[in-house]
C-alpha cells in the first residue's frame, strides 16, 4: 500500500509532498503508517539520499521502499537530504490523511 508523506513547513504550515513509501500490504493501517514514518527517519545516514552518501560510503537509511519526490534542498552549492518526518507532518493512506502526533497518528481527513 502506498503512503504519501508530506512534511510541514515550519514557517507557513504548508504541507509539501516529499516521498511515497510502499508499505507492506500485510501490515494493518497503523503498521503501514508507522512503516512510512520509520523509513523517513535520518538515523545513520539520510533516507532521502540513494544507496550511497555524498562521500561514497553506504547509506544505512536508504530503502527501496521509498521514492523521493521533492528535490533535495541546496544551500551555497551543497545538497542536503530531507529532514526526518516528525509531529505535524501528514501521511496519506488511501483517501484518508493522518497527522503525525506526539504518539501515533490522528486522522484529519477521510474515512
PDB file of N, CA and C in Angstrom:
ATOM      1  N   UNK A   1       0.838  -1.168   0.000  1.00  0.00           N
ATOM      2  CA  UNK A   1       0.000   0.000   0.000  1.00  0.00           C
ATOM      3  C   UNK A   1       0.890   1.242   0.000  1.00  0.00           C
ATOM      4  N   UNK A   2       0.543   2.223  -0.818  1.00  0.00           N
ATOM      5  CA  UNK A   2       1.337   3.439  -0.897  1.00  0.00           C
ATOM      6  C   UNK A   2       0.921   4.439   0.175  1.00  0.00           C
ATOM      7  N   UNK A   3       1.921   4.969   0.853  1.00  0.00           N
ATOM      8  CA  UNK A   3       1.714   6.025   1.838  1.00  0.00           C
ATOM      9  C   UNK A   3       2.451   7.252   1.320  1.00  0.00           C
ATOM     10  N   UNK A   4       1.728   8.360   1.117  1.00  0.00           N
ATOM     11  CA  UNK A   4       2.399   9.589   0.709  1.00  0.00           C
ATOM     12  C   UNK A   4       2.781  10.350   1.974  1.00  0.00           C
ATOM     13  N   UNK A   5       3.959  10.942   1.938  1.00  0.00           N
ATOM     14  CA  UNK A   5       4.497  11.653   3.097  1.00  0.00           C
ATOM     15  C   UNK A   5       4.662  13.116   2.726  1.00  0.00           C
ATOM     16  N   UNK A   6       4.040  13.970   3.520  1.00  0.00           N
ATOM     17  CA  UNK A   6       4.142  15.420   3.324  1.00  0.00           C
ATOM     18  C   UNK A   6       4.735  16.036   4.590  1.00  0.00           C
ATOM     19  N   UNK A   7       5.774  16.820   4.404  1.00  0.00           N
ATOM     20  CA  UNK A   7       6.404  17.498   5.531  1.00  0.00           C
ATOM     21  C   UNK A   7       5.831  18.897   5.684  1.00  0.00           C
ATOM     22  N   UNK A   8       5.578  19.255   6.914  1.00  0.00           N
ATOM     23  CA  UNK A   8       5.016  20.567   7.247  1.00  0.00           C
ATOM     24  C   UNK A   8       6.129  21.608   7.256  1.00  0.00           C
ATOM     25  N   UNK A   9       5.894  22.715   6.552  1.00  0.00           N
ATOM     26  CA  UNK A   9       6.843  23.822   6.550  1.00  0.00           C
ATOM     27  C   UNK A   9       6.742  24.536   7.899  1.00  0.00           C
ATOM     28  N   UNK A  10       7.882  24.765   8.537  1.00  0.00           N
ATOM     29  CA  UNK A  10       7.895  25.379   9.865  1.00  0.00           C
ATOM     30  C   UNK A  10       7.331  26.794   9.874  1.00  0.00           C
ATOM     31  N   UNK A  11       7.527  27.540   8.804  1.00  0.00           N
ATOM     32  CA  UNK A  11       7.108  28.945   8.769  1.00  0.00           C
ATOM     33  C   UNK A  11       5.674  29.130   8.300  1.00  0.00           C
ATOM     34  N   UNK A  12       5.289  28.431   7.233  1.00  0.00           N
ATOM     35  CA  UNK A  12       3.969  28.661   6.639  1.00  0.00           C
ATOM     36  C   UNK A  12       2.913  27.645   7.075  1.00  0.00           C
ATOM     37  N   UNK A  13       3.342  26.491   7.537  1.00  0.00           N
ATOM     38  CA  UNK A  13       2.400  25.427   7.887  1.00  0.00           C
ATOM     39  C   UNK A  13       1.970  24.599   6.691  1.00  0.00           C
ATOM     40  N   UNK A  14       2.395  24.989   5.486  1.00  0.00           N
ATOM     41  CA  UNK A  14       2.029  24.245   4.275  1.00  0.00           C
ATOM     42  C   UNK A  14       2.655  22.855   4.302  1.00  0.00           C
ATOM     43  N   UNK A  15       1.947  21.902   3.709  1.00  0.00           N
ATOM     44  CA  UNK A  15       2.432  20.530   3.613  1.00  0.00           C
ATOM     45  C   UNK A  15       3.035  20.319   2.230  1.00  0.00           C
ATOM     46  N   UNK A  16       4.269  19.814   2.179  1.00  0.00           N
ATOM     47  CA  UNK A  16       4.976  19.598   0.906  1.00  0.00           C
ATOM     48  C   UNK A  16       5.213  18.098   0.706  1.00  0.00           C
ATOM     49  N   UNK A  17       4.759  17.586  -0.436  1.00  0.00           N
ATOM     50  CA  UNK A  17       4.970  16.179  -0.760  1.00  0.00           C
ATOM     51  C   UNK A  17       6.461  15.912  -0.913  1.00  0.00           C
ATOM     52  N   UNK A  18       7.001  15.004  -0.081  1.00  0.00           N
ATOM     53  CA  UNK A  18       8.427  14.697  -0.145  1.00  0.00           C
ATOM     54  C   UNK A  18       8.706  13.265  -0.578  1.00  0.00           C
ATOM     55  N   UNK A  19       7.775  12.336  -0.298  1.00  0.00           N
ATOM     56  CA  UNK A  19       8.060  10.931  -0.605  1.00  0.00           C
ATOM     57  C   UNK A  19       6.790  10.107  -0.717  1.00  0.00           C
ATOM     58  N   UNK A  20       6.943   8.982  -1.404  1.00  0.00           N
ATOM     59  CA  UNK A  20       5.920   7.940  -1.428  1.00  0.00           C
ATOM     60  C   UNK A  20       6.600   6.671  -0.940  1.00  0.00           C
ATOM     61  N   UNK A  21       5.993   6.053   0.057  1.00  0.00           N
ATOM     62  CA  UNK A  21       6.556   4.848   0.664  1.00  0.00           C
ATOM     63  C   UNK A  21       5.650   3.671   0.351  1.00  0.00           C
ATOM     64  N   UNK A  22       6.235   2.590  -0.129  1.00  0.00           N
ATOM     65  CA  UNK A  22       5.482   1.367  -0.396  1.00  0.00           C
ATOM     66  C   UNK A  22       5.527   0.505   0.867  1.00  0.00           C
ATOM     67  N   UNK A  23       4.430   0.548   1.639  1.00  0.00           N
ATOM     68  CA  UNK A  23       4.349  -0.213   2.884  1.00  0.00           C
ATOM     69  C   UNK A  23       3.851  -1.631   2.598  1.00  0.00           C
ATOM     70  N   UNK A  24       4.335  -2.609   3.350  1.00  0.00           N
ATOM     71  CA  UNK A  24       3.884  -3.996   3.154  1.00  0.00           C
ATOM     72  C   UNK A  24       2.373  -4.125   3.357  1.00  0.00           C
ATOM     73  N   UNK A  25       1.708  -4.772   2.420  1.00  0.00           N
ATOM     74  CA  UNK A  25       0.247  -4.891   2.474  1.00  0.00           C
ATOM     75  C   UNK A  25      -0.224  -5.758   3.634  1.00  0.00           C
ATOM     76  N   UNK A  26       0.639  -6.613   4.171  1.00  0.00           N
ATOM     77  CA  UNK A  26       0.220  -7.471   5.284  1.00  0.00           C
ATOM     78  C   UNK A  26       0.128  -6.719   6.609  1.00  0.00           C
ATOM     79  N   UNK A  27       0.642  -5.485   6.654  1.00  0.00           N
ATOM     80  CA  UNK A  27       0.531  -4.679   7.867  1.00  0.00           C
ATOM     81  C   UNK A  27      -0.857  -4.050   7.952  1.00  0.00           C
ATOM     82  N   UNK A  28      -1.338  -3.827   9.176  1.00  0.00           N
ATOM     83  CA  UNK A  28      -2.601  -3.108   9.334  1.00  0.00           C
ATOM     84  C   UNK A  28      -2.364  -1.626   9.081  1.00  0.00           C
ATOM     85  N   UNK A  29      -3.432  -0.839   9.130  1.00  0.00           N
ATOM     86  CA  UNK A  29      -3.349   0.580   8.820  1.00  0.00           C
ATOM     87  C   UNK A  29      -2.277   1.280   9.659  1.00  0.00           C
ATOM     88  N   UNK A  30      -2.312   1.094  10.962  1.00  0.00           N
ATOM     89  CA  UNK A  30      -1.333   1.741  11.835  1.00  0.00           C
ATOM     90  C   UNK A  30       0.082   1.256  11.507  1.00  0.00           C
ATOM     91  N   UNK A  31       0.226  -0.024  11.219  1.00  0.00           N
ATOM     92  CA  UNK A  31       1.529  -0.574  10.863  1.00  0.00           C
ATOM     93  C   UNK A  31       2.076   0.046   9.582  1.00  0.00           C
ATOM     94  N   UNK A  32       1.208   0.302   8.610  1.00  0.00           N
ATOM     95  CA  UNK A  32       1.646   0.919   7.364  1.00  0.00           C
ATOM     96  C   UNK A  32       2.083   2.371   7.584  1.00  0.00           C
ATOM     97  N   UNK A  33       1.345   3.100   8.410  1.00  0.00           N
ATOM     98  CA  UNK A  33       1.738   4.475   8.735  1.00  0.00           C
ATOM     99  C   UNK A  33       3.069   4.486   9.483  1.00  0.00           C
ATOM    100  N   UNK A  34       3.211   3.613  10.448  1.00  0.00           N
ATOM    101  CA  UNK A  34       4.461   3.529  11.221  1.00  0.00           C
ATOM    102  C   UNK A  34       5.631   3.136  10.326  1.00  0.00           C
ATOM    103  N   UNK A  35       5.397   2.217   9.394  1.00  0.00           N
ATOM    104  CA  UNK A  35       6.437   1.799   8.455  1.00  0.00           C
ATOM    105  C   UNK A  35       6.941   2.998   7.663  1.00  0.00           C
ATOM    106  N   UNK A  36       6.003   3.811   7.152  1.00  0.00           N
ATOM    107  CA  UNK A  36       6.379   5.000   6.376  1.00  0.00           C
ATOM    108  C   UNK A  36       7.140   5.986   7.245  1.00  0.00           C
ATOM    109  N   UNK A  37       6.723   6.148   8.493  1.00  0.00           N
ATOM    110  CA  UNK A  37       7.416   7.061   9.404  1.00  0.00           C
ATOM    111  C   UNK A  37       8.851   6.584   9.645  1.00  0.00           C
ATOM    112  N   UNK A  38       9.013   5.308   9.936  1.00  0.00           N
ATOM    113  CA  UNK A  38      10.359   4.750  10.194  1.00  0.00           C
ATOM    114  C   UNK A  38      11.253   4.929   8.970  1.00  0.00           C
ATOM    115  N   UNK A  39      10.717   4.675   7.783  1.00  0.00           N
ATOM    116  CA  UNK A  39      11.530   4.750   6.562  1.00  0.00           C
ATOM    117  C   UNK A  39      11.888   6.180   6.174  1.00  0.00           C
ATOM    118  N   UNK A  40      11.269   7.175   6.822  1.00  0.00           N
ATOM    119  CA  UNK A  40      11.610   8.574   6.528  1.00  0.00           C
ATOM    120  C   UNK A  40      12.275   9.238   7.740  1.00  0.00           C
ATOM    121  N   UNK A  41      13.127   8.469   8.409  1.00  0.00           N
ATOM    122  CA  UNK A  41      13.931   8.974   9.523  1.00  0.00           C
ATOM    123  C   UNK A  41      15.406   8.955   9.130  1.00  0.00           C
ATOM    124  N   UNK A  42      16.132   9.990   9.541  1.00  0.00           N
ATOM    125  CA  UNK A  42      17.583  10.040   9.367  1.00  0.00           C
ATOM    126  C   UNK A  42      18.216   9.539  10.665  1.00  0.00           C
ATOM    127  N   UNK A  43      18.707   8.322  10.642  1.00  0.00           N
ATOM    128  CA  UNK A  43      19.290   7.728  11.843  1.00  0.00           C
ATOM    129  C   UNK A  43      20.812   7.624  11.694  1.00  0.00           C
ATOM    130  N   UNK A  44      21.251   6.892  10.696  1.00  0.00           N
ATOM    131  CA  UNK A  44      22.684   6.687  10.465  1.00  0.00           C
ATOM    132  C   UNK A  44      23.134   7.214   9.111  1.00  0.00           C
ATOM    133  N   UNK A  45      22.256   7.889   8.415  1.00  0.00           N
ATOM    134  CA  UNK A  45      22.552   8.411   7.076  1.00  0.00           C
ATOM    135  C   UNK A  45      21.483   9.415   6.713  1.00  0.00           C
ATOM    136  N   UNK A  46      20.886   9.237   5.541  1.00  0.00           N
ATOM    137  CA  UNK A  46      19.801  10.111   5.097  1.00  0.00           C
ATOM    138  C   UNK A  46      18.828   9.294   4.259  1.00  0.00           C
ATOM    139  N   UNK A  47      17.579   9.226   4.716  1.00  0.00           N
ATOM    140  CA  UNK A  47      16.587   8.430   3.992  1.00  0.00           C
ATOM    141  C   UNK A  47      16.377   8.942   2.577  1.00  0.00           C
ATOM    142  N   UNK A  48      16.675  10.226   2.330  1.00  0.00           N
ATOM    143  CA  UNK A  48      16.369  10.807   1.025  1.00  0.00           C
ATOM    144  C   UNK A  48      17.523  10.749   0.026  1.00  0.00           C
ATOM    145  N   UNK A  49      18.674  10.286   0.458  1.00  0.00           N
ATOM    146  CA  UNK A  49      19.763  10.043  -0.484  1.00  0.00           C
ATOM    147  C   UNK A  49      19.600   8.638  -1.050  1.00  0.00           C
ATOM    148  N   UNK A  50      20.348   8.326  -2.059  1.00  0.00           N
ATOM    149  CA  UNK A  50      20.321   6.988  -2.637  1.00  0.00           C
ATOM    150  C   UNK A  50      21.091   6.004  -1.770  1.00  0.00           C
ATOM    151  N   UNK A  51      21.508   4.888  -2.346  1.00  0.00           N
ATOM    152  CA  UNK A  51      22.199   3.852  -1.574  1.00  0.00           C
ATOM    153  C   UNK A  51      23.569   4.278  -1.043  1.00  0.00           C
ATOM    154  N   UNK A  52      24.128   5.358  -1.598  1.00  0.00           N
ATOM    155  CA  UNK A  52      25.411   5.856  -1.086  1.00  0.00           C
ATOM    156  C   UNK A  52      25.272   7.327  -0.701  1.00  0.00           C
ATOM    157  N   UNK A  53      26.026   7.717   0.294  1.00  0.00           N
ATOM    158  CA  UNK A  53      26.048   9.108   0.747  1.00  0.00           C
ATOM    159  C   UNK A  53      27.011   9.910  -0.111  1.00  0.00           C
ATOM    160  N   UNK A  54      26.972  11.238  -0.035  1.00  0.00           N
ATOM    161  CA  UNK A  54      27.831  12.062  -0.897  1.00  0.00           C
ATOM    162  C   UNK A  54      29.319  11.717  -0.824  1.00  0.00           C
ATOM    163  N   UNK A  55      29.788  11.239   0.311  1.00  0.00           N
ATOM    164  CA  UNK A  55      31.197  10.864   0.444  1.00  0.00           C
ATOM    165  C   UNK A  55      31.530   9.500  -0.139  1.00  0.00           C
ATOM    166  N   UNK A  56      30.508   8.798  -0.638  1.00  0.00           N
ATOM    167  CA  UNK A  56      30.729   7.494  -1.255  1.00  0.00           C
ATOM    168  C   UNK A  56      30.467   6.308  -0.343  1.00  0.00           C
ATOM    169  N   UNK A  57      30.268   6.556   0.952  1.00  0.00           N
ATOM    170  CA  UNK A  57      30.008   5.445   1.870  1.00  0.00           C
ATOM    171  C   UNK A  57      28.559   4.973   1.751  1.00  0.00           C
ATOM    172  N   UNK A  58      28.322   3.737   2.163  1.00  0.00           N
ATOM    173  CA  UNK A  58      26.986   3.138   2.132  1.00  0.00           C
ATOM    174  C   UNK A  58      26.039   3.960   3.005  1.00  0.00           C
ATOM    175  N   UNK A  59      24.811   4.143   2.523  1.00  0.00           N
ATOM    176  CA  UNK A  59      23.788   4.896   3.249  1.00  0.00           C
ATOM    177  C   UNK A  59      22.884   3.925   4.001  1.00  0.00           C
ATOM    178  N   UNK A  60      23.061   3.786   5.317  1.00  0.00           N
ATOM    179  CA  UNK A  60      22.250   2.835   6.081  1.00  0.00           C
ATOM    180  C   UNK A  60      20.754   3.153   6.107  1.00  0.00           C
ATOM    181  N   UNK A  61      20.380   4.403   5.848  1.00  0.00           N
ATOM    182  CA  UNK A  61      18.964   4.776   5.901  1.00  0.00           C
ATOM    183  C   UNK A  61      18.252   4.669   4.555  1.00  0.00           C
ATOM    184  N   UNK A  62      18.971   4.268   3.512  1.00  0.00           N
ATOM    185  CA  UNK A  62      18.350   4.081   2.200  1.00  0.00           C
ATOM    186  C   UNK A  62      17.404   2.891   2.240  1.00  0.00           C
ATOM    187  N   UNK A  63      16.261   3.015   1.552  1.00  0.00           N
ATOM    188  CA  UNK A  63      15.313   1.916   1.429  1.00  0.00           C
ATOM    189  C   UNK A  63      14.708   1.924   0.036  1.00  0.00           C
ATOM    190  N   UNK A  64      14.638   0.751  -0.578  1.00  0.00           N
ATOM    191  CA  UNK A  64      13.973   0.610  -1.875  1.00  0.00           C
ATOM    192  C   UNK A  64      12.476   0.894  -1.768  1.00  0.00           C
ATOM    193  N   UNK A  65      11.935   0.877  -0.551  1.00  0.00           N
ATOM    194  CA  UNK A  65      10.503   1.115  -0.353  1.00  0.00           C
ATOM    195  C   UNK A  65      10.153   2.594  -0.465  1.00  0.00           C
ATOM    196  N   UNK A  66      11.154   3.468  -0.498  1.00  0.00           N
ATOM    197  CA  UNK A  66      10.916   4.915  -0.503  1.00  0.00           C
ATOM    198  C   UNK A  66      11.251   5.502  -1.868  1.00  0.00           C
ATOM    199  N   UNK A  67      10.295   6.263  -2.405  1.00  0.00           N
ATOM    200  CA  UNK A  67      10.556   7.026  -3.623  1.00  0.00           C
ATOM    201  C   UNK A  67      10.540   8.508  -3.243  1.00  0.00           C
ATOM    202  N   UNK A  68      11.683   9.151  -3.360  1.00  0.00           N
ATOM    203  CA  UNK A  68      11.800  10.566  -3.022  1.00  0.00           C
ATOM    204  C   UNK A  68      11.159  11.376  -4.149  1.00  0.00           C
ATOM    205  N   UNK A  69      10.259  12.283  -3.785  1.00  0.00           N
ATOM    206  CA  UNK A  69       9.525  13.083  -4.759  1.00  0.00           C
ATOM    207  C   UNK A  69      10.105  14.497  -4.859  1.00  0.00           C
ATOM    208  N   UNK A  70      10.252  15.159  -3.738  1.00  0.00           N
ATOM    209  CA  UNK A  70      10.734  16.546  -3.747  1.00  0.00           C
ATOM    210  C   UNK A  70      12.231  16.589  -3.987  1.00  0.00           C
ATOM    211  N   UNK A  71      12.689  17.554  -4.783  1.00  0.00           N
ATOM    212  CA  UNK A  71      14.133  17.694  -4.977  1.00  0.00           C
ATOM    213  C   UNK A  71      14.818  17.996  -3.647  1.00  0.00           C
ATOM    214  N   UNK A  72      16.047  17.530  -3.516  1.00  0.00           N
ATOM    215  CA  UNK A  72      16.791  17.798  -2.289  1.00  0.00           C
ATOM    216  C   UNK A  72      17.166  19.274  -2.225  1.00  0.00           C
ATOM    217  N   UNK A  73      17.109  19.848  -1.024  1.00  0.00           N
ATOM    218  CA  UNK A  73      17.441  21.270  -0.888  1.00  0.00           C
ATOM    219  C   UNK A  73      18.934  21.523  -1.094  1.00  0.00           C
ATOM    220  N   UNK A  74      19.245  22.696  -1.619  1.00  0.00           N
ATOM    221  CA  UNK A  74      20.638  23.109  -1.805  1.00  0.00           C
ATOM    222  C   UNK A  74      20.846  24.444  -1.126  1.00  0.00           C
ATOM    223  N   UNK A  75      22.015  24.599  -0.547  1.00  0.00           N
ATOM    224  CA  UNK A  75      22.393  25.848   0.092  1.00  0.00           C
ATOM    225  C   UNK A  75      23.868  26.081  -0.178  1.00  0.00           C
ATOM    226  N   UNK A  76      24.182  27.223  -0.779  1.00  0.00           N
ATOM    227  CA  UNK A  76      25.572  27.570  -1.106  1.00  0.00           C
ATOM    228  C   UNK A  76      26.269  26.469  -1.913  1.00  0.00           C
ATOM    229  N   UNK A  77      25.527  25.890  -2.865  1.00  0.00           N
ATOM    230  CA  UNK A  77      26.103  24.882  -3.736  1.00  0.00           C
ATOM    231  C   UNK A  77      26.215  23.495  -3.140  1.00  0.00           C
ATOM    232  N   UNK A  78      25.750  23.314  -1.915  1.00  0.00           N
ATOM    233  CA  UNK A  78      25.811  21.998  -1.272  1.00  0.00           C
ATOM    234  C   UNK A  78      24.402  21.417  -1.172  1.00  0.00           C
ATOM    235  N   UNK A  79      24.268  20.152  -1.537  1.00  0.00           N
ATOM    236  CA  UNK A  79      22.970  19.473  -1.489  1.00  0.00           C
ATOM    237  C   UNK A  79      22.806  18.791  -0.131  1.00  0.00           C
ATOM    238  N   UNK A  80      21.618  18.926   0.436  1.00  0.00           N
ATOM    239  CA  UNK A  80      21.296  18.332   1.733  1.00  0.00           C
ATOM    240  C   UNK A  80      20.139  17.359   1.570  1.00  0.00           C
ATOM    241  N   UNK A  81      20.059  16.374   2.443  1.00  0.00           N
ATOM    242  CA  UNK A  81      18.928  15.458   2.450  1.00  0.00           C
ATOM    243  C   UNK A  81      17.736  16.108   3.130  1.00  0.00           C
ATOM    244  N   UNK A  82      16.562  15.512   2.934  1.00  0.00           N
ATOM    245  CA  UNK A  82      15.366  15.990   3.619  1.00  0.00           C
ATOM    246  C   UNK A  82      15.447  15.649   5.102  1.00  0.00           C
ATOM    247  N   UNK A  83      14.758  16.418   5.902  1.00  0.00           N
ATOM    248  CA  UNK A  83      14.722  16.147   7.341  1.00  0.00           C
ATOM    249  C   UNK A  83      13.913  14.884   7.611  1.00  0.00           C
ATOM    250  N   UNK A  84      13.984  14.422   8.832  1.00  0.00           N
ATOM    251  CA  UNK A  84      13.171  13.287   9.258  1.00  0.00           C
ATOM    252  C   UNK A  84      11.711  13.706   9.376  1.00  0.00           C
ATOM    253  N   UNK A  85      10.814  12.747   9.216  1.00  0.00           N
ATOM    254  CA  UNK A  85       9.399  13.011   9.462  1.00  0.00           C
ATOM    255  C   UNK A  85       9.205  13.249  10.953  1.00  0.00           C
ATOM    256  N   UNK A  86       8.238  14.108  11.262  1.00  0.00           N
ATOM    257  CA  UNK A  86       8.040  14.489  12.660  1.00  0.00           C
ATOM    258  C   UNK A  86       6.600  14.908  12.920  1.00  0.00           C
ATOM    259  N   UNK A  87       6.304  15.269  14.166  1.00  0.00           N
ATOM    260  CA  UNK A  87       4.976  15.715  14.569  1.00  0.00           C
ATOM    261  C   UNK A  87       4.525  16.862  13.668  1.00  0.00           C
ATOM    262  N   UNK A  88       3.280  16.763  13.190  1.00  0.00           N
ATOM    263  CA  UNK A  88       2.696  17.787  12.325  1.00  0.00           C
ATOM    264  C   UNK A  88       2.732  17.427  10.851  1.00  0.00           C
ATOM    265  N   UNK A  89       3.567  16.465  10.477  1.00  0.00           N
ATOM    266  CA  UNK A  89       3.623  16.031   9.080  1.00  0.00           C
ATOM    267  C   UNK A  89       2.390  15.190   8.756  1.00  0.00           C
ATOM    268  N   UNK A  90       2.030  15.145   7.471  1.00  0.00           N
ATOM    269  CA  UNK A  90       0.850  14.396   7.032  1.00  0.00           C
ATOM    270  C   UNK A  90       1.239  13.155   6.250  1.00  0.00           C
ATOM    271  N   UNK A  91       0.534  12.068   6.533  1.00  0.00           N
ATOM    272  CA  UNK A  91       0.713  10.793   5.847  1.00  0.00           C
ATOM    273  C   UNK A  91      -0.641  10.409   5.266  1.00  0.00           C
ATOM    274  N   UNK A  92      -0.685  10.159   3.960  1.00  0.00           N
ATOM    275  CA  UNK A  92      -1.935   9.810   3.301  1.00  0.00           C
ATOM    276  C   UNK A  92      -1.912   8.336   2.927  1.00  0.00           C
ATOM    277  N   UNK A  93      -2.974   7.661   3.305  1.00  0.00           N
ATOM    278  CA  UNK A  93      -3.129   6.243   3.005  1.00  0.00           C
ATOM    279  C   UNK A  93      -4.531   6.064   2.456  1.00  0.00           C
ATOM    280  N   UNK A  94      -4.628   5.705   1.175  1.00  0.00           N
ATOM    281  CA  UNK A  94      -5.938   5.643   0.529  1.00  0.00           C
ATOM    282  C   UNK A  94      -6.519   7.042   0.443  1.00  0.00           C
ATOM    283  N   UNK A  95      -7.773   7.205   0.899  1.00  0.00           N
ATOM    284  CA  UNK A  95      -8.443   8.506   0.843  1.00  0.00           C
ATOM    285  C   UNK A  95      -8.333   9.261   2.166  1.00  0.00           C
ATOM    286  N   UNK A  96      -7.607   8.712   3.127  1.00  0.00           N
ATOM    287  CA  UNK A  96      -7.519   9.337   4.449  1.00  0.00           C
ATOM    288  C   UNK A  96      -6.151   9.978   4.673  1.00  0.00           C
ATOM    289  N   UNK A  97      -6.172  11.101   5.375  1.00  0.00           N
ATOM    290  CA  UNK A  97      -4.942  11.812   5.730  1.00  0.00           C
ATOM    291  C   UNK A  97      -4.785  11.756   7.241  1.00  0.00           C
ATOM    292  N   UNK A  98      -3.588  11.427   7.681  1.00  0.00           N
ATOM    293  CA  UNK A  98      -3.269  11.314   9.100  1.00  0.00           C
ATOM    294  C   UNK A  98      -2.147  12.284   9.438  1.00  0.00           C
ATOM    295  N   UNK A  99      -2.290  12.938  10.599  1.00  0.00           N
ATOM    296  CA  UNK A  99      -1.242  13.832  11.082  1.00  0.00           C
ATOM    297  C   UNK A  99      -0.397  13.078  12.087  1.00  0.00           C
ATOM    298  N   UNK A 100       0.897  13.190  11.934  1.00  0.00           N
ATOM    299  CA  UNK A 100       1.808  12.585  12.890  1.00  0.00           C
ATOM    300  C   UNK A 100       1.633  13.327  14.214  1.00  0.00           C
ATOM    301  N   UNK A 101       1.308  12.592  15.278  1.00  0.00           N
ATOM    302  CA  UNK A 101       1.058  13.180  16.592  1.00  0.00           C
ATOM    303  C   UNK A 101       2.239  12.873  17.527  1.00  0.00           C
ATOM    304  N   UNK A 102       2.144  13.338  18.759  1.00  0.00           N
ATOM    305  CA  UNK A 102       3.194  13.045  19.737  1.00  0.00           C
ATOM    306  C   UNK A 102       3.382  11.533  19.883  1.00  0.00           C
ATOM    307  N   UNK A 103       2.273  10.827  19.870  1.00  0.00           N
ATOM    308  CA  UNK A 103       2.301   9.366  19.888  1.00  0.00           C
ATOM    309  C   UNK A 103       1.326   8.895  18.823  1.00  0.00           C
ATOM    310  N   UNK A 104       1.834   8.225  17.796  1.00  0.00           N
ATOM    311  CA  UNK A 104       0.991   7.687  16.745  1.00  0.00           C
ATOM    312  C   UNK A 104       0.497   8.728  15.756  1.00  0.00           C
ATOM    313  N   UNK A 105      -0.691   8.478  15.205  1.00  0.00           N
ATOM    314  CA  UNK A 105      -1.250   9.315  14.146  1.00  0.00           C
ATOM    315  C   UNK A 105      -2.697   9.657  14.482  1.00  0.00           C
ATOM    316  N   UNK A 106      -3.124  10.846  14.039  1.00  0.00           N
ATOM    317  CA  UNK A 106      -4.513  11.283  14.197  1.00  0.00           C
ATOM    318  C   UNK A 106      -5.098  11.532  12.818  1.00  0.00           C
ATOM    319  N   UNK A 107      -6.291  11.004  12.545  1.00  0.00           N
ATOM    320  CA  UNK A 107      -6.933  11.216  11.261  1.00  0.00           C
ATOM    321  C   UNK A 107      -7.410  12.660  11.173  1.00  0.00           C
ATOM    322  N   UNK A 108      -7.106  13.302  10.034  1.00  0.00           N
ATOM    323  CA  UNK A 108      -7.553  14.681   9.837  1.00  0.00           C
ATOM    324  C   UNK A 108      -8.535  14.816   8.667  1.00  0.00           C
ATOM    325  N   UNK A 109      -8.493  13.876   7.726  1.00  0.00           N
ATOM    326  CA  UNK A 109      -9.385  13.912   6.555  1.00  0.00           C
ATOM    327  C   UNK A 109      -9.693  12.474   6.153  1.00  0.00           C
ATOM    328  N   UNK A 110     -10.924  12.232   5.729  1.00  0.00           N
ATOM    329  CA  UNK A 110     -11.260  10.949   5.106  1.00  0.00           C
ATOM    330  C   UNK A 110     -11.905   9.953   6.041  1.00  0.00           C
ATOM    331  N   UNK A 111     -12.122   8.777   5.436  1.00  0.00           N
ATOM    332  CA  UNK A 111     -12.813   7.707   6.154  1.00  0.00           C
ATOM    333  C   UNK A 111     -11.853   6.706   6.701  1.00  0.00           C
TER     334      UNK A 111
END
